Amino acid sequence: MPEEILPYVKNIKASLLLGTVPERKAGWLGIKVEQGKNGVAIKSFEPSSPAMKSPLIAGDFIDAINGESIKTVEDFNKFMNKTRPRQTITIRYRRGNYENEIKVTLGERP
């Protein structure tokens, strides 16, 4: 069994013994986004977030994550809610006429 899933397995075993359902935590990128006329724009960054350590800047537009098109804030939120801490995602973003893809490893919300 891969080491990165051991905490989840232990959590599930403990929950089954206690008769509870483990809380599912989404991955944390640490940005606030807003709907712009040209797509989903990064509005701000949370301190010490995974996104803060990346080349992204406020005003960049997120076009896709892991190849999945991001056209609305709802698209962004739905995608992020399916992620896990320590998961690496690929973000395709746009800054003016410049387009690039980066990989970011998500954290756990502090």
PDB file of N, CA and C in Angstrom:
ATOM      1  N   MET A   1       0.854  -1.175   0.000  1.00  0.00           N
ATOM      2  CA  MET A   1       0.000   0.000   0.000  1.00  0.00           C
ATOM      3  C   MET A   1       0.901   1.240   0.000  1.00  0.00           C
ATOM      4  N   PRO A   2       0.655   2.201  -0.924  1.00  0.00           N
ATOM      5  CA  PRO A   2       1.483   3.414  -0.969  1.00  0.00           C
ATOM      6  C   PRO A   2       1.388   4.199   0.341  1.00  0.00           C
ATOM      7  N   GLU A   3       2.533   4.743   0.773  1.00  0.00           N
ATOM      8  CA  GLU A   3       2.602   5.458   2.046  1.00  0.00           C
ATOM      9  C   GLU A   3       1.651   6.635   2.133  1.00  0.00           C
ATOM     10  N   GLU A   4       1.437   7.348   1.012  1.00  0.00           N
ATOM     11  CA  GLU A   4       0.624   8.558   1.071  1.00  0.00           C
ATOM     12  C   GLU A   4      -0.845   8.288   1.394  1.00  0.00           C
ATOM     13  N   ILE A   5      -1.313   7.047   1.230  1.00  0.00           N
ATOM     14  CA  ILE A   5      -2.716   6.777   1.556  1.00  0.00           C
ATOM     15  C   ILE A   5      -2.899   6.146   2.933  1.00  0.00           C
ATOM     16  N   LEU A   6      -1.795   5.796   3.597  1.00  0.00           N
ATOM     17  CA  LEU A   6      -1.908   5.165   4.916  1.00  0.00           C
ATOM     18  C   LEU A   6      -2.707   5.991   5.911  1.00  0.00           C
ATOM     19  N   PRO A   7      -2.501   7.325   6.010  1.00  0.00           N
ATOM     20  CA  PRO A   7      -3.317   8.091   6.966  1.00  0.00           C
ATOM     21  C   PRO A   7      -4.820   7.981   6.685  1.00  0.00           C
ATOM     22  N   TYR A   8      -5.183   7.931   5.409  1.00  0.00           N
ATOM     23  CA  TYR A   8      -6.598   7.821   5.048  1.00  0.00           C
ATOM     24  C   TYR A   8      -7.153   6.452   5.450  1.00  0.00           C
ATOM     25  N   VAL A   9      -6.376   5.407   5.223  1.00  0.00           N
ATOM     26  CA  VAL A   9      -6.809   4.054   5.564  1.00  0.00           C
ATOM     27  C   VAL A   9      -6.998   3.940   7.078  1.00  0.00           C
ATOM     28  N   LYS A  10      -6.032   4.475   7.841  1.00  0.00           N
ATOM     29  CA  LYS A  10      -6.137   4.438   9.300  1.00  0.00           C
ATOM     30  C   LYS A  10      -7.366   5.221   9.766  1.00  0.00           C
ATOM     31  N   ASN A  11      -7.621   6.359   9.135  1.00  0.00           N
ATOM     32  CA  ASN A  11      -8.773   7.197   9.466  1.00  0.00           C
ATOM     33  C   ASN A  11     -10.080   6.430   9.211  1.00  0.00           C
ATOM     34  N   ILE A  12     -10.148   5.736   8.091  1.00  0.00           N
ATOM     35  CA  ILE A  12     -11.346   4.982   7.728  1.00  0.00           C
ATOM     36  C   ILE A  12     -11.557   3.818   8.702  1.00  0.00           C
ATOM     37  N   LYS A  13     -10.460   3.098   9.040  1.00  0.00           N
ATOM     38  CA  LYS A  13     -10.580   1.985   9.987  1.00  0.00           C
ATOM     39  C   LYS A  13     -11.090   2.479  11.336  1.00  0.00           C
ATOM     40  N   ALA A  14     -10.525   3.580  11.821  1.00  0.00           N
ATOM     41  CA  ALA A  14     -10.960   4.132  13.112  1.00  0.00           C
ATOM     42  C   ALA A  14     -12.420   4.564  13.038  1.00  0.00           C
ATOM     43  N   SER A  15     -12.815   5.152  11.926  1.00  0.00           N
ATOM     44  CA  SER A  15     -14.192   5.616  11.771  1.00  0.00           C
ATOM     45  C   SER A  15     -15.169   4.449  11.744  1.00  0.00           C
ATOM     46  N   LEU A  16     -14.779   3.360  11.117  1.00  0.00           N
ATOM     47  CA  LEU A  16     -15.648   2.193  11.066  1.00  0.00           C
ATOM     48  C   LEU A  16     -15.839   1.605  12.467  1.00  0.00           C
ATOM     49  N   LEU A  17     -14.760   1.590  13.236  1.00  0.00           N
ATOM     50  CA  LEU A  17     -14.855   1.082  14.604  1.00  0.00           C
ATOM     51  C   LEU A  17     -15.741   1.963  15.463  1.00  0.00           C
ATOM     52  N   LEU A  18     -15.685   3.276  15.238  1.00  0.00           N
ATOM     53  CA  LEU A  18     -16.462   4.218  16.032  1.00  0.00           C
ATOM     54  C   LEU A  18     -17.850   4.468  15.456  1.00  0.00           C
ATOM     55  N   GLY A  19     -18.086   3.979  14.240  1.00  0.00           N
ATOM     56  CA  GLY A  19     -19.384   4.175  13.610  1.00  0.00           C
ATOM     57  C   GLY A  19     -19.585   5.582  13.072  1.00  0.00           C
ATOM     58  N   THR A  20     -18.496   6.253  12.716  1.00  0.00           N
ATOM     59  CA  THR A  20     -18.585   7.600  12.147  1.00  0.00           C
ATOM     60  C   THR A  20     -18.048   7.594  10.736  1.00  0.00           C
ATOM     61  N   VAL A  21     -18.335   8.645  10.011  1.00  0.00           N
ATOM     62  CA  VAL A  21     -17.839   8.798   8.646  1.00  0.00           C
ATOM     63  C   VAL A  21     -16.677   9.780   8.678  1.00  0.00           C
ATOM     64  N   PRO A  22     -15.523   9.434   8.105  1.00  0.00           N
ATOM     65  CA  PRO A  22     -14.397  10.358   8.130  1.00  0.00           C
ATOM     66  C   PRO A  22     -14.699  11.617   7.308  1.00  0.00           C
ATOM     67  N   GLU A  23     -14.208  12.746   7.799  1.00  0.00           N
ATOM     68  CA  GLU A  23     -14.386  13.999   7.073  1.00  0.00           C
ATOM     69  C   GLU A  23     -13.451  14.008   5.874  1.00  0.00           C
ATOM     70  N   ARG A  24     -13.983  14.330   4.718  1.00  0.00           N
ATOM     71  CA  ARG A  24     -13.183  14.387   3.500  1.00  0.00           C
ATOM     72  C   ARG A  24     -12.683  15.804   3.349  1.00  0.00           C
ATOM     73  N   LYS A  25     -11.370  15.961   3.301  1.00  0.00           N
ATOM     74  CA  LYS A  25     -10.791  17.289   3.160  1.00  0.00           C
ATOM     75  C   LYS A  25     -10.304  17.488   1.739  1.00  0.00           C
ATOM     76  N   ALA A  26     -10.725  18.592   1.149  1.00  0.00           N
ATOM     77  CA  ALA A  26     -10.268  18.937  -0.186  1.00  0.00           C
ATOM     78  C   ALA A  26      -8.871  19.530  -0.099  1.00  0.00           C
ATOM     79  N   GLY A  27      -8.155  19.473  -1.208  1.00  0.00           N
ATOM     80  CA  GLY A  27      -6.841  20.096  -1.272  1.00  0.00           C
ATOM     81  C   GLY A  27      -6.981  21.612  -1.189  1.00  0.00           C
ATOM     82  N   TRP A  28      -5.924  22.273  -0.751  1.00  0.00           N
ATOM     83  CA  TRP A  28      -5.924  23.722  -0.550  1.00  0.00           C
ATOM     84  C   TRP A  28      -4.903  24.357  -1.475  1.00  0.00           C
ATOM     85  N   LEU A  29      -5.393  25.216  -2.386  1.00  0.00           N
ATOM     86  CA  LEU A  29      -4.520  25.963  -3.287  1.00  0.00           C
ATOM     87  C   LEU A  29      -4.195  27.325  -2.686  1.00  0.00           C
ATOM     88  N   GLY A  30      -5.173  27.917  -1.997  1.00  0.00           N
ATOM     89  CA  GLY A  30      -4.925  29.174  -1.297  1.00  0.00           C
ATOM     90  C   GLY A  30      -5.083  30.420  -2.144  1.00  0.00           C
ATOM     91  N   ILE A  31      -6.068  30.401  -3.057  1.00  0.00           N
ATOM     92  CA  ILE A  31      -6.350  31.609  -3.837  1.00  0.00           C
ATOM     93  C   ILE A  31      -7.833  31.928  -3.748  1.00  0.00           C
ATOM     94  N   LYS A  32      -8.131  33.197  -3.949  1.00  0.00           N
ATOM     95  CA  LYS A  32      -9.519  33.629  -4.109  1.00  0.00           C
ATOM     96  C   LYS A  32      -9.653  34.005  -5.576  1.00  0.00           C
ATOM     97  N   VAL A  33     -10.763  33.561  -6.175  1.00  0.00           N
ATOM     98  CA  VAL A  33     -10.981  33.833  -7.596  1.00  0.00           C
ATOM     99  C   VAL A  33     -12.269  34.615  -7.771  1.00  0.00           C
ATOM    100  N   GLU A  34     -12.381  35.253  -8.930  1.00  0.00           N
ATOM    101  CA  GLU A  34     -13.598  35.981  -9.270  1.00  0.00           C
ATOM    102  C   GLU A  34     -13.875  35.791 -10.748  1.00  0.00           C
ATOM    103  N   GLN A  35     -15.147  35.933 -11.094  1.00  0.00           N
ATOM    104  CA  GLN A  35     -15.547  35.803 -12.490  1.00  0.00           C
ATOM    105  C   GLN A  35     -15.207  37.095 -13.208  1.00  0.00           C
ATOM    106  N   GLY A  36     -14.405  36.997 -14.238  1.00  0.00           N
ATOM    107  CA  GLY A  36     -14.089  38.151 -15.077  1.00  0.00           C
ATOM    108  C   GLY A  36     -14.742  37.978 -16.431  1.00  0.00           C
ATOM    109  N   LYS A  37     -14.705  39.009 -17.241  1.00  0.00           N
ATOM    110  CA  LYS A  37     -15.319  38.880 -18.572  1.00  0.00           C
ATOM    111  C   LYS A  37     -14.533  37.927 -19.459  1.00  0.00           C
ATOM    112  N   ASN A  38     -13.264  37.685 -19.110  1.00  0.00           N
ATOM    113  CA  ASN A  38     -12.431  36.767 -19.892  1.00  0.00           C
ATOM    114  C   ASN A  38     -12.201  35.432 -19.198  1.00  0.00           C
ATOM    115  N   GLY A  39     -13.011  35.128 -18.182  1.00  0.00           N
ATOM    116  CA  GLY A  39     -12.866  33.850 -17.486  1.00  0.00           C
ATOM    117  C   GLY A  39     -12.680  34.019 -15.995  1.00  0.00           C
ATOM    118  N   VAL A  40     -12.066  33.015 -15.365  1.00  0.00           N
ATOM    119  CA  VAL A  40     -11.868  32.995 -13.919  1.00  0.00           C
ATOM    120  C   VAL A  40     -10.512  33.611 -13.597  1.00  0.00           C
ATOM    121  N   ALA A  41     -10.551  34.718 -12.865  1.00  0.00           N
ATOM    122  CA  ALA A  41      -9.332  35.456 -12.546  1.00  0.00           C
ATOM    123  C   ALA A  41      -8.930  35.236 -11.096  1.00  0.00           C
ATOM    124  N   ILE A  42      -7.620  35.198 -10.860  1.00  0.00           N
ATOM    125  CA  ILE A  42      -7.112  35.130  -9.492  1.00  0.00           C
ATOM    126  C   ILE A  42      -7.226  36.522  -8.890  1.00  0.00           C
ATOM    127  N   LYS A  43      -7.914  36.594  -7.754  1.00  0.00           N
ATOM    128  CA  LYS A  43      -8.128  37.870  -7.071  1.00  0.00           C
ATOM    129  C   LYS A  43      -7.057  38.123  -6.013  1.00  0.00           C
ATOM    130  N   SER A  44      -6.778  37.084  -5.180  1.00  0.00           N
ATOM    131  CA  SER A  44      -5.779  37.251  -4.120  1.00  0.00           C
ATOM    132  C   SER A  44      -5.258  35.890  -3.670  1.00  0.00           C
ATOM    133  N   PHE A  45      -4.203  35.954  -2.858  1.00  0.00           N
ATOM    134  CA  PHE A  45      -3.540  34.756  -2.340  1.00  0.00           C
ATOM    135  C   PHE A  45      -3.592  34.747  -0.824  1.00  0.00           C
ATOM    136  N   GLU A  46      -3.713  33.554  -0.253  1.00  0.00           N
ATOM    137  CA  GLU A  46      -3.613  33.417   1.190  1.00  0.00           C
ATOM    138  C   GLU A  46      -2.133  33.232   1.538  1.00  0.00           C
ATOM    139  N   PRO A  47      -1.679  33.842   2.633  1.00  0.00           N
ATOM    140  CA  PRO A  47      -0.260  33.737   3.010  1.00  0.00           C
ATOM    141  C   PRO A  47       0.170  32.281   3.175  1.00  0.00           C
ATOM    142  N   SER A  48       1.384  31.994   2.759  1.00  0.00           N
ATOM    143  CA  SER A  48       2.006  30.666   2.892  1.00  0.00           C
ATOM    144  C   SER A  48       1.236  29.564   2.177  1.00  0.00           C
ATOM    145  N   SER A  49       0.446  29.922   1.182  1.00  0.00           N
ATOM    146  CA  SER A  49      -0.328  28.921   0.439  1.00  0.00           C
ATOM    147  C   SER A  49       0.514  28.304  -0.666  1.00  0.00           C
ATOM    148  N   PRO A  50       0.115  27.116  -1.146  1.00  0.00           N
ATOM    149  CA  PRO A  50       0.815  26.518  -2.277  1.00  0.00           C
ATOM    150  C   PRO A  50       0.852  27.452  -3.494  1.00  0.00           C
ATOM    151  N   ALA A  51      -0.240  28.173  -3.754  1.00  0.00           N
ATOM    152  CA  ALA A  51      -0.281  29.087  -4.906  1.00  0.00           C
ATOM    153  C   ALA A  51       0.695  30.245  -4.732  1.00  0.00           C
ATOM    154  N   MET A  52       0.895  30.679  -3.487  1.00  0.00           N
ATOM    155  CA  MET A  52       1.804  31.790  -3.208  1.00  0.00           C
ATOM    156  C   MET A  52       3.243  31.428  -3.591  1.00  0.00           C
ATOM    157  N   LYS A  53       3.554  30.136  -3.544  1.00  0.00           N
ATOM    158  CA  LYS A  53       4.897  29.659  -3.874  1.00  0.00           C
ATOM    159  C   LYS A  53       5.058  29.398  -5.365  1.00  0.00           C
ATOM    160  N   SER A  54       4.004  29.596  -6.131  1.00  0.00           N
ATOM    161  CA  SER A  54       4.020  29.340  -7.572  1.00  0.00           C
ATOM    162  C   SER A  54       4.245  30.654  -8.323  1.00  0.00           C
ATOM    163  N   PRO A  55       4.414  30.590  -9.647  1.00  0.00           N
ATOM    164  CA  PRO A  55       4.579  31.829 -10.426  1.00  0.00           C
ATOM    165  C   PRO A  55       3.272  32.567 -10.712  1.00  0.00           C
ATOM    166  N   LEU A  56       2.148  32.069 -10.223  1.00  0.00           N
ATOM    167  CA  LEU A  56       0.868  32.749 -10.447  1.00  0.00           C
ATOM    168  C   LEU A  56       0.853  34.113  -9.767  1.00  0.00           C
ATOM    169  N   ILE A  57       0.140  35.068 -10.374  1.00  0.00           N
ATOM    170  CA  ILE A  57      -0.024  36.388  -9.768  1.00  0.00           C
ATOM    171  C   ILE A  57      -1.493  36.812  -9.875  1.00  0.00           C
ATOM    172  N   ALA A  58      -1.885  37.760  -9.030  1.00  0.00           N
ATOM    173  CA  ALA A  58      -3.251  38.288  -9.104  1.00  0.00           C
ATOM    174  C   ALA A  58      -3.487  38.840 -10.496  1.00  0.00           C
ATOM    175  N   GLY A  59      -4.657  38.547 -11.048  1.00  0.00           N
ATOM    176  CA  GLY A  59      -4.992  38.983 -12.402  1.00  0.00           C
ATOM    177  C   GLY A  59      -4.807  37.913 -13.462  1.00  0.00           C
ATOM    178  N   ASP A  60      -4.066  36.832 -13.128  1.00  0.00           N
ATOM    179  CA  ASP A  60      -3.946  35.705 -14.062  1.00  0.00           C
ATOM    180  C   ASP A  60      -5.309  35.046 -14.210  1.00  0.00           C
ATOM    181  N   PHE A  61      -5.566  34.495 -15.401  1.00  0.00           N
ATOM    182  CA  PHE A  61      -6.800  33.768 -15.664  1.00  0.00           C
ATOM    183  C   PHE A  61      -6.508  32.276 -15.694  1.00  0.00           C
ATOM    184  N   ILE A  62      -7.305  31.490 -14.979  1.00  0.00           N
ATOM    185  CA  ILE A  62      -7.155  30.039 -14.974  1.00  0.00           C
ATOM    186  C   ILE A  62      -8.034  29.482 -16.084  1.00  0.00           C
ATOM    187  N   ASP A  63      -7.406  28.850 -17.063  1.00  0.00           N
ATOM    188  CA  ASP A  63      -8.141  28.291 -18.207  1.00  0.00           C
ATOM    189  C   ASP A  63      -8.509  26.823 -18.019  1.00  0.00           C
ATOM    190  N   ALA A  64      -7.634  26.064 -17.321  1.00  0.00           N
ATOM    191  CA  ALA A  64      -7.889  24.632 -17.133  1.00  0.00           C
ATOM    192  C   ALA A  64      -7.075  24.122 -15.955  1.00  0.00           C
ATOM    193  N   ILE A  65      -7.598  23.065 -15.339  1.00  0.00           N
ATOM    194  CA  ILE A  65      -6.863  22.342 -14.296  1.00  0.00           C
ATOM    195  C   ILE A  65      -6.927  20.869 -14.666  1.00  0.00           C
ATOM    196  N   ASN A  66      -5.753  20.254 -14.757  1.00  0.00           N
ATOM    197  CA  ASN A  66      -5.641  18.842 -15.160  1.00  0.00           C
ATOM    198  C   ASN A  66      -6.394  18.577 -16.460  1.00  0.00           C
ATOM    199  N   GLY A  67      -6.353  19.533 -17.364  1.00  0.00           N
ATOM    200  CA  GLY A  67      -6.992  19.381 -18.666  1.00  0.00           C
ATOM    201  C   GLY A  67      -8.483  19.654 -18.667  1.00  0.00           C
ATOM    202  N   GLU A  68      -9.069  19.908 -17.507  1.00  0.00           N
ATOM    203  CA  GLU A  68     -10.505  20.190 -17.403  1.00  0.00           C
ATOM    204  C   GLU A  68     -10.723  21.700 -17.520  1.00  0.00           C
ATOM    205  N   SER A  69     -11.524  22.103 -18.478  1.00  0.00           N
ATOM    206  CA  SER A  69     -11.784  23.518 -18.735  1.00  0.00           C
ATOM    207  C   SER A  69     -12.418  24.197 -17.523  1.00  0.00           C
ATOM    208  N   ILE A  70     -11.905  25.379 -17.196  1.00  0.00           N
ATOM    209  CA  ILE A  70     -12.437  26.184 -16.089  1.00  0.00           C
ATOM    210  C   ILE A  70     -12.944  27.486 -16.696  1.00  0.00           C
ATOM    211  N   LYS A  71     -14.266  27.610 -16.820  1.00  0.00           N
ATOM    212  CA  LYS A  71     -14.859  28.803 -17.427  1.00  0.00           C
ATOM    213  C   LYS A  71     -15.562  29.690 -16.406  1.00  0.00           C
ATOM    214  N   THR A  72     -15.956  29.101 -15.263  1.00  0.00           N
ATOM    215  CA  THR A  72     -16.686  29.858 -14.249  1.00  0.00           C
ATOM    216  C   THR A  72     -16.082  29.586 -12.876  1.00  0.00           C
ATOM    217  N   VAL A  73     -16.414  30.443 -11.919  1.00  0.00           N
ATOM    218  CA  VAL A  73     -15.982  30.222 -10.539  1.00  0.00           C
ATOM    219  C   VAL A  73     -16.560  28.904 -10.034  1.00  0.00           C
ATOM    220  N   GLU A  74     -17.779  28.580 -10.449  1.00  0.00           N
ATOM    221  CA  GLU A  74     -18.396  27.308 -10.062  1.00  0.00           C
ATOM    222  C   GLU A  74     -17.568  26.126 -10.571  1.00  0.00           C
ATOM    223  N   ASP A  75     -17.082  26.205 -11.832  1.00  0.00           N
ATOM    224  CA  ASP A  75     -16.210  25.148 -12.375  1.00  0.00           C
ATOM    225  C   ASP A  75     -14.979  24.976 -11.493  1.00  0.00           C
ATOM    226  N   PHE A  76     -14.375  26.106 -11.117  1.00  0.00           N
ATOM    227  CA  PHE A  76     -13.174  26.085 -10.282  1.00  0.00           C
ATOM    228  C   PHE A  76     -13.476  25.420  -8.937  1.00  0.00           C
ATOM    229  N   ASN A  77     -14.541  25.863  -8.282  1.00  0.00           N
ATOM    230  CA  ASN A  77     -14.894  25.316  -6.962  1.00  0.00           C
ATOM    231  C   ASN A  77     -15.230  23.830  -7.027  1.00  0.00           C
ATOM    232  N   LYS A  78     -15.974  23.421  -8.049  1.00  0.00           N
ATOM    233  CA  LYS A  78     -16.312  22.000  -8.203  1.00  0.00           C
ATOM    234  C   LYS A  78     -15.050  21.163  -8.365  1.00  0.00           C
ATOM    235  N   PHE A  79     -14.119  21.663  -9.192  1.00  0.00           N
ATOM    236  CA  PHE A  79     -12.885  20.902  -9.390  1.00  0.00           C
ATOM    237  C   PHE A  79     -12.104  20.805  -8.080  1.00  0.00           C
ATOM    238  N   MET A  80     -11.918  21.938  -7.413  1.00  0.00           N
ATOM    239  CA  MET A  80     -11.110  21.951  -6.191  1.00  0.00           C
ATOM    240  C   MET A  80     -11.728  21.085  -5.099  1.00  0.00           C
ATOM    241  N   ASN A  81     -13.043  20.990  -5.042  1.00  0.00           N
ATOM    242  CA  ASN A  81     -13.701  20.162  -4.035  1.00  0.00           C
ATOM    243  C   ASN A  81     -13.463  18.671  -4.249  1.00  0.00           C
ATOM    244  N   LYS A  82     -13.005  18.290  -5.435  1.00  0.00           N
ATOM    245  CA  LYS A  82     -12.713  16.887  -5.729  1.00  0.00           C
ATOM    246  C   LYS A  82     -11.260  16.522  -5.449  1.00  0.00           C
ATOM    247  N   THR A  83     -10.443  17.502  -5.066  1.00  0.00           N
ATOM    248  CA  THR A  83      -9.015  17.257  -4.869  1.00  0.00           C
ATOM    249  C   THR A  83      -8.730  16.804  -3.437  1.00  0.00           C
ATOM    250  N   ARG A  84      -7.478  16.437  -3.208  1.00  0.00           N
ATOM    251  CA  ARG A  84      -7.002  16.001  -1.891  1.00  0.00           C
ATOM    252  C   ARG A  84      -5.700  16.743  -1.554  1.00  0.00           C
ATOM    253  N   PRO A  85      -5.435  16.936  -0.266  1.00  0.00           N
ATOM    254  CA  PRO A  85      -4.130  17.477   0.122  1.00  0.00           C
ATOM    255  C   PRO A  85      -3.013  16.574  -0.414  1.00  0.00           C
ATOM    256  N   ARG A  86      -1.916  17.175  -0.768  1.00  0.00           N
ATOM    257  CA  ARG A  86      -0.719  16.512  -1.319  1.00  0.00           C
ATOM    258  C   ARG A  86      -0.904  16.048  -2.765  1.00  0.00           C
ATOM    259  N   GLN A  87      -2.042  16.342  -3.369  1.00  0.00           N
ATOM    260  CA  GLN A  87      -2.260  16.025  -4.778  1.00  0.00           C
ATOM    261  C   GLN A  87      -1.587  17.097  -5.627  1.00  0.00           C
ATOM    262  N   THR A  88      -0.913  16.691  -6.695  1.00  0.00           N
ATOM    263  CA  THR A  88      -0.295  17.650  -7.609  1.00  0.00           C
ATOM    264  C   THR A  88      -1.238  17.866  -8.788  1.00  0.00           C
ATOM    265  N   ILE A  89      -1.535  19.129  -9.052  1.00  0.00           N
ATOM    266  CA  ILE A  89      -2.421  19.475 -10.169  1.00  0.00           C
ATOM    267  C   ILE A  89      -1.651  20.305 -11.190  1.00  0.00           C
ATOM    268  N   THR A  90      -2.125  20.264 -12.427  1.00  0.00           N
ATOM    269  CA  THR A  90      -1.545  21.069 -13.501  1.00  0.00           C
ATOM    270  C   THR A  90      -2.527  22.181 -13.831  1.00  0.00           C
ATOM    271  N   ILE A  91      -2.056  23.415 -13.713  1.00  0.00           N
ATOM    272  CA  ILE A  91      -2.891  24.585 -13.977  1.00  0.00           C
ATOM    273  C   ILE A  91      -2.420  25.247 -15.272  1.00  0.00           C
ATOM    274  N   ARG A  92      -3.359  25.405 -16.208  1.00  0.00           N
ATOM    275  CA  ARG A  92      -3.072  26.183 -17.423  1.00  0.00           C
ATOM    276  C   ARG A  92      -3.645  27.573 -17.179  1.00  0.00           C
ATOM    277  N   TYR A  93      -2.776  28.580 -17.281  1.00  0.00           N
ATOM    278  CA  TYR A  93      -3.209  29.944 -16.994  1.00  0.00           C
ATOM    279  C   TYR A  93      -2.773  30.898 -18.098  1.00  0.00           C
ATOM    280  N   ARG A  94      -3.384  32.074 -18.058  1.00  0.00           N
ATOM    281  CA  ARG A  94      -3.149  33.090 -19.079  1.00  0.00           C
ATOM    282  C   ARG A  94      -2.860  34.422 -18.384  1.00  0.00           C
ATOM    283  N   ARG A  95      -1.856  35.123 -18.875  1.00  0.00           N
ATOM    284  CA  ARG A  95      -1.491  36.453 -18.372  1.00  0.00           C
ATOM    285  C   ARG A  95      -1.264  37.328 -19.602  1.00  0.00           C
ATOM    286  N   GLY A  96      -2.272  38.126 -19.945  1.00  0.00           N
ATOM    287  CA  GLY A  96      -2.184  38.890 -21.193  1.00  0.00           C
ATOM    288  C   GLY A  96      -2.167  37.921 -22.366  1.00  0.00           C
ATOM    289  N   ASN A  97      -1.166  38.036 -23.222  1.00  0.00           N
ATOM    290  CA  ASN A  97      -1.018  37.122 -24.367  1.00  0.00           C
ATOM    291  C   ASN A  97      -0.169  35.904 -24.029  1.00  0.00           C
ATOM    292  N   TYR A  98       0.361  35.855 -22.822  1.00  0.00           N
ATOM    293  CA  TYR A  98       1.236  34.776 -22.377  1.00  0.00           C
ATOM    294  C   TYR A  98       0.397  33.651 -21.777  1.00  0.00           C
ATOM    295  N   GLU A  99       0.651  32.412 -22.216  1.00  0.00           N
ATOM    296  CA  GLU A  99      -0.012  31.234 -21.655  1.00  0.00           C
ATOM    297  C   GLU A  99       1.046  30.259 -21.166  1.00  0.00           C
ATOM    298  N   ASN A 100       0.743  29.579 -20.064  1.00  0.00           N
ATOM    299  CA  ASN A 100       1.702  28.639 -19.507  1.00  0.00           C
ATOM    300  C   ASN A 100       0.971  27.580 -18.693  1.00  0.00           C
ATOM    301  N   GLU A 101       1.663  26.485 -18.413  1.00  0.00           N
ATOM    302  CA  GLU A 101       1.155  25.440 -17.526  1.00  0.00           C
ATOM    303  C   GLU A 101       2.155  25.255 -16.408  1.00  0.00           C
ATOM    304  N   ILE A 102       1.638  25.094 -15.201  1.00  0.00           N
ATOM    305  CA  ILE A 102       2.491  24.835 -14.045  1.00  0.00           C
ATOM    306  C   ILE A 102       1.902  23.697 -13.240  1.00  0.00           C
ATOM    307  N   LYS A 103       2.741  23.071 -12.437  1.00  0.00           N
ATOM    308  CA  LYS A 103       2.288  22.040 -11.513  1.00  0.00           C
ATOM    309  C   LYS A 103       2.366  22.614 -10.100  1.00  0.00           C
ATOM    310  N   VAL A 104       1.315  22.372  -9.327  1.00  0.00           N
ATOM    311  CA  VAL A 104       1.255  22.840  -7.941  1.00  0.00           C
ATOM    312  C   VAL A 104       0.780  21.680  -7.082  1.00  0.00           C
ATOM    313  N   THR A 105       1.490  21.452  -5.981  1.00  0.00           N
ATOM    314  CA  THR A 105       1.075  20.418  -5.027  1.00  0.00           C
ATOM    315  C   THR A 105       0.208  21.093  -3.972  1.00  0.00           C
ATOM    316  N   LEU A 106      -1.010  20.603  -3.847  1.00  0.00           N
ATOM    317  CA  LEU A 106      -1.980  21.195  -2.923  1.00  0.00           C
ATOM    318  C   LEU A 106      -1.606  20.890  -1.475  1.00  0.00           C
ATOM    319  N   GLY A 107      -1.990  21.808  -0.617  1.00  0.00           N
ATOM    320  CA  GLY A 107      -1.741  21.624   0.809  1.00  0.00           C
ATOM    321  C   GLY A 107      -3.026  21.255   1.529  1.00  0.00           C
ATOM    322  N   GLU A 108      -2.917  21.265   2.844  1.00  0.00           N
ATOM    323  CA  GLU A 108      -4.084  21.040   3.699  1.00  0.00           C
ATOM    324  C   GLU A 108      -4.445  22.381   4.310  1.00  0.00           C
ATOM    325  N   ARG A 109      -5.718  22.725   4.267  1.00  0.00           N
ATOM    326  CA  ARG A 109      -6.159  24.021   4.783  1.00  0.00           C
ATOM    327  C   ARG A 109      -5.737  24.175   6.243  1.00  0.00           C
ATOM    328  N   PRO A 110      -5.048  25.284   6.563  1.00  0.00           N
ATOM    329  CA  PRO A 110      -4.605  25.493   7.947  1.00  0.00           C
ATOM    330  C   PRO A 110      -5.768  25.740   8.893  1.00  0.00           C
TER     331      PRO A 110
END
